[in-house]
Amino acid sequence: MSGGLRQRRQAGVTLAEFAIVFPIFVTVTFAMIEFGVAFNAVLGINHASQAASLVAAEAGNEADADCLILARIEQDLQPPLDKRNIAEVDIVRMSDTGQSPVAENVYVRSGVKNCGSYTVPYNATAVGYPENQRCNILAGCPTLSPPRSTVDKIGVEITYRHNPVTPMRQLLSFIGGSGSNGYSWTFSRLNVSRMEPVL
C-alpha cells in the first residue's frame, strides 16, 4: 500500500471520527449549560419563596399582607431569571404539622393588584385564605373560621416555567417538546414559616 493512499485513508478515518464525536461533544456542552441555568432557576425561586414566607410570617393578618409577599417575590427574582415566567404564586395555610395545605390564595402573573401606593402584576384566581382569616395570636384564634388553637403556619409556593436558553430548545422541540417556545420545564418550590405571634 502506498504512503499517499494510507494518508488519505487515515484522513478519512479521522474525519469520520470527528463527525461522530463533535455532535456528541456539542450536545453534552449545551446540556451542561442548560443544567446550570435550570439549577440556577430552582435556587432562585427557592430563595424567593423562602424570603416571601418570612415576609408572610411577619405581615400576619395585615390588610395588605399578600401585596407585601408578592412585592418581595418581584424584588427577589432578578436576571437571569425572567419574572414573566412565574406561572403561579400560592399563599397557603398549612396544617398544624406543616405538611399539607389547608387553604390557599392563588395568584397568576397577569393583570394588576392594587396595593395602595403601589401595584404588583398579579391577579387572584382563588381566595381561600384571606388576610383577616390568618391567626397570629399565640393563644390561638377561636373566633376565626375554622377556629385555631395556635398560630398559623403560612407557606409561599412559587411555580416557575423555565425555557431553555441554548439551541437545545430546537432539538428538544423537534423530539417532541411542549409549548409555543418549544420544550420547557416547570419548577415549584414551597417554603413554610410559623407566623410571628402577637403575645
Protein backbone atom coordinates (compact mmCIF):
# COMPACT_ATOMS: atom_id res chain seq x y z
CA MET A 1 0.00 0.00 0.00
CA SER A 2 1.45 3.32 -0.99
CA GLY A 3 2.07 6.07 1.55
CA GLY A 4 -0.33 8.50 -0.19
CA LEU A 5 -3.23 6.04 -0.06
CA ARG A 6 -2.54 5.29 3.61
CA GLN A 7 -2.55 9.02 4.43
CA ARG A 8 -5.84 9.55 2.60
CA ARG A 9 -7.45 6.62 4.46
CA GLN A 10 -6.14 7.95 7.77
CA ALA A 11 -7.56 11.38 6.96
CA GLY A 12 -10.90 9.77 6.09
CA VAL A 13 -10.97 7.83 9.36
CA THR A 14 -10.12 10.99 11.31
CA LEU A 15 -12.89 12.92 9.56
CA ALA A 16 -15.40 10.14 10.26
CA GLU A 17 -14.40 10.04 13.95
CA PHE A 18 -14.73 13.83 14.16
CA ALA A 19 -18.17 13.67 12.53
CA ILE A 20 -19.28 11.17 15.19
CA VAL A 21 -17.69 12.82 18.24
CA PHE A 22 -18.36 16.51 17.51
CA PRO A 23 -22.21 16.42 17.73
CA ILE A 24 -21.96 14.43 20.98
CA PHE A 25 -19.48 16.96 22.39
CA VAL A 26 -21.69 19.92 21.41
CA THR A 27 -24.80 18.24 22.85
CA VAL A 28 -23.06 17.48 26.16
CA THR A 29 -21.74 21.07 26.34
CA PHE A 30 -25.21 22.54 25.72
CA ALA A 31 -26.73 20.11 28.22
CA MET A 32 -24.26 21.21 30.92
CA ILE A 33 -25.02 24.88 30.24
CA GLU A 34 -28.76 24.19 30.28
CA PHE A 35 -28.50 22.24 33.52
CA GLY A 36 -26.56 25.10 35.13
CA VAL A 37 -29.14 27.70 34.09
CA ALA A 38 -32.06 25.48 35.15
CA PHE A 39 -30.40 24.75 38.51
CA ASN A 40 -29.93 28.50 39.00
CA ALA A 41 -33.66 28.94 38.35
CA VAL A 42 -34.51 26.35 41.01
CA LEU A 43 -32.22 28.05 43.52
CA GLY A 44 -33.62 31.47 42.63
CA ILE A 45 -37.27 30.55 43.10
CA ASN A 46 -36.44 28.64 46.29
CA HIS A 47 -34.72 31.74 47.71
CA ALA A 48 -37.65 33.96 46.64
CA SER A 49 -40.14 31.54 48.22
CA GLN A 50 -38.17 31.43 51.45
CA ALA A 51 -37.91 35.22 51.69
CA ALA A 52 -41.61 35.61 50.84
CA SER A 53 -42.65 33.11 53.53
CA LEU A 54 -40.69 35.13 56.10
CA VAL A 55 -42.48 38.29 54.94
CA ALA A 56 -45.78 36.41 55.24
CA ALA A 57 -44.91 35.35 58.79
CA GLU A 58 -44.12 38.93 59.77
CA ALA A 59 -47.06 40.53 57.94
CA GLY A 60 -49.55 38.31 59.76
CA ASN A 61 -53.13 39.46 59.26
CA GLU A 62 -52.37 42.94 57.91
CA ALA A 63 -54.77 44.03 55.18
CA ASP A 64 -52.03 44.24 52.53
CA ALA A 65 -50.07 41.12 53.55
CA ASP A 66 -50.46 39.43 50.15
CA CYS A 67 -49.21 42.59 48.41
CA LEU A 68 -46.10 42.58 50.58
CA ILE A 69 -45.49 38.90 49.79
CA LEU A 70 -45.92 39.37 46.03
CA ALA A 71 -43.77 42.51 46.03
CA ARG A 72 -40.98 40.59 47.79
CA ILE A 73 -41.09 37.89 45.12
CA GLU A 74 -40.83 40.56 42.41
CA GLN A 75 -37.87 42.09 44.23
CA ASP A 76 -36.00 38.80 44.70
CA LEU A 77 -36.34 37.32 41.20
CA GLN A 78 -33.52 39.00 39.30
CA PRO A 79 -31.84 38.18 35.96
CA PRO A 80 -31.06 35.71 34.56
CA LEU A 81 -34.48 34.64 35.89
CA ASP A 82 -37.42 36.11 33.98
CA LYS A 83 -40.28 37.26 36.21
CA ARG A 84 -42.68 36.80 33.29
CA ASN A 85 -42.11 33.04 33.62
CA ILE A 86 -43.78 32.90 37.05
CA ALA A 87 -46.80 30.75 36.36
CA GLU A 88 -48.39 30.91 39.81
CA VAL A 89 -47.87 32.01 43.41
CA ASP A 90 -49.81 30.20 46.14
CA ILE A 91 -50.07 31.65 49.65
CA VAL A 92 -51.19 28.75 51.79
CA ARG A 93 -52.20 27.97 55.34
CA MET A 94 -50.54 24.71 56.23
CA SER A 95 -51.81 22.05 58.61
CA ASP A 96 -50.56 22.16 62.21
CA THR A 97 -47.80 19.74 61.25
CA GLY A 98 -46.81 21.98 58.32
CA GLN A 99 -47.06 19.07 55.86
CA SER A 100 -50.22 19.72 53.83
CA PRO A 101 -52.10 22.81 52.65
CA VAL A 102 -55.45 23.58 54.27
CA ALA A 103 -56.44 26.81 52.47
CA GLU A 104 -54.80 28.97 49.83
CA ASN A 105 -54.82 32.14 47.78
CA VAL A 106 -53.73 31.58 44.18
CA TYR A 107 -52.19 34.38 42.13
CA VAL A 108 -51.19 34.31 38.47
CA ARG A 109 -48.79 36.82 36.97
CA SER A 110 -51.24 38.76 34.83
CA GLY A 111 -53.29 41.83 35.39
CA VAL A 112 -52.67 44.22 38.28
CA LYS A 113 -53.27 44.00 42.02
CA ASN A 114 -53.63 47.44 43.57
CA CYS A 115 -51.77 47.71 46.87
CA GLY A 116 -52.49 51.30 47.81
CA SER A 117 -49.39 53.31 46.93
CA TYR A 118 -48.02 50.63 44.56
CA THR A 119 -49.18 47.77 42.36
CA VAL A 120 -47.96 44.26 41.63
CA PRO A 121 -48.54 42.40 38.33
CA TYR A 122 -50.69 39.62 39.80
CA ASN A 123 -54.31 38.64 39.68
CA ALA A 124 -56.06 36.45 42.26
CA THR A 125 -57.76 33.39 40.76
CA ALA A 126 -58.74 31.88 44.12
CA VAL A 127 -59.04 33.44 47.57
CA GLY A 128 -59.45 30.76 50.23
CA TYR A 129 -57.11 32.28 52.82
CA PRO A 130 -57.88 36.00 53.18
CA GLU A 131 -55.61 38.15 55.33
CA ASN A 132 -58.29 38.65 58.01
CA GLN A 133 -58.50 34.86 58.49
CA ARG A 134 -54.85 34.44 59.50
CA CYS A 135 -54.11 33.62 63.10
CA ASN A 136 -51.05 35.31 64.57
CA ILE A 137 -52.07 35.24 68.24
CA LEU A 138 -50.03 32.93 70.45
CA ALA A 139 -53.06 31.80 72.45
CA GLY A 140 -54.94 30.90 69.27
CA CYS A 141 -57.88 32.39 67.39
CA PRO A 142 -61.17 30.78 68.49
CA THR A 143 -63.25 33.39 66.61
CA LEU A 144 -61.82 32.58 63.16
CA SER A 145 -63.46 30.12 60.82
CA PRO A 146 -62.31 27.45 61.42
CA PRO A 147 -61.12 28.22 64.96
CA ARG A 148 -57.41 27.76 65.66
CA SER A 149 -55.72 26.82 68.92
CA THR A 150 -52.31 28.12 67.85
CA VAL A 151 -50.68 30.50 65.37
CA ASP A 152 -50.84 29.59 61.68
CA LYS A 153 -48.07 28.09 59.63
CA ILE A 154 -48.01 30.00 56.35
CA GLY A 155 -46.30 28.92 53.16
CA VAL A 156 -45.47 30.51 49.82
CA GLU A 157 -45.19 28.28 46.78
CA ILE A 158 -43.80 29.66 43.51
CA THR A 159 -44.34 27.80 40.25
CA TYR A 160 -41.87 28.87 37.55
CA ARG A 161 -41.71 27.88 33.89
CA HIS A 162 -38.12 27.63 32.64
CA ASN A 163 -37.50 27.86 28.91
CA PRO A 164 -34.20 26.53 27.53
CA VAL A 165 -31.60 29.17 26.67
CA THR A 166 -29.35 27.13 24.37
CA PRO A 167 -30.07 25.66 20.91
CA MET A 168 -31.16 22.52 22.79
CA ARG A 169 -34.61 24.16 22.63
CA GLN A 170 -34.89 23.40 18.92
CA LEU A 171 -33.57 19.87 19.38
CA LEU A 172 -35.96 19.14 22.24
CA SER A 173 -38.84 20.76 20.36
CA PHE A 174 -38.06 18.56 17.34
CA ILE A 175 -38.05 15.47 19.56
CA GLY A 176 -41.46 16.34 20.98
CA GLY A 177 -41.42 19.43 23.16
CA SER A 178 -44.35 21.37 24.50
CA GLY A 179 -45.44 24.97 24.48
CA SER A 180 -45.17 27.68 21.87
CA ASN A 181 -41.47 28.26 22.54
CA GLY A 182 -40.53 24.61 22.42
CA TYR A 183 -39.68 22.49 25.40
CA SER A 184 -39.94 23.97 28.91
CA TRP A 185 -39.60 22.74 32.47
CA THR A 186 -41.83 23.72 35.37
CA PHE A 187 -40.34 24.06 38.84
CA SER A 188 -42.25 24.60 42.09
CA ARG A 189 -40.78 25.46 45.47
CA LEU A 190 -42.69 25.80 48.75
CA ASN A 191 -41.29 27.26 51.97
CA VAL A 192 -43.25 27.39 55.22
CA SER A 193 -42.84 29.70 58.22
CA ARG A 194 -44.66 29.98 61.52
CA MET A 195 -46.45 33.29 61.88
CA GLU A 196 -44.76 35.73 64.23
CA PRO A 197 -47.07 35.59 67.23
CA VAL A 198 -48.74 38.52 68.95
CA LEU A 199 -48.35 37.91 72.68
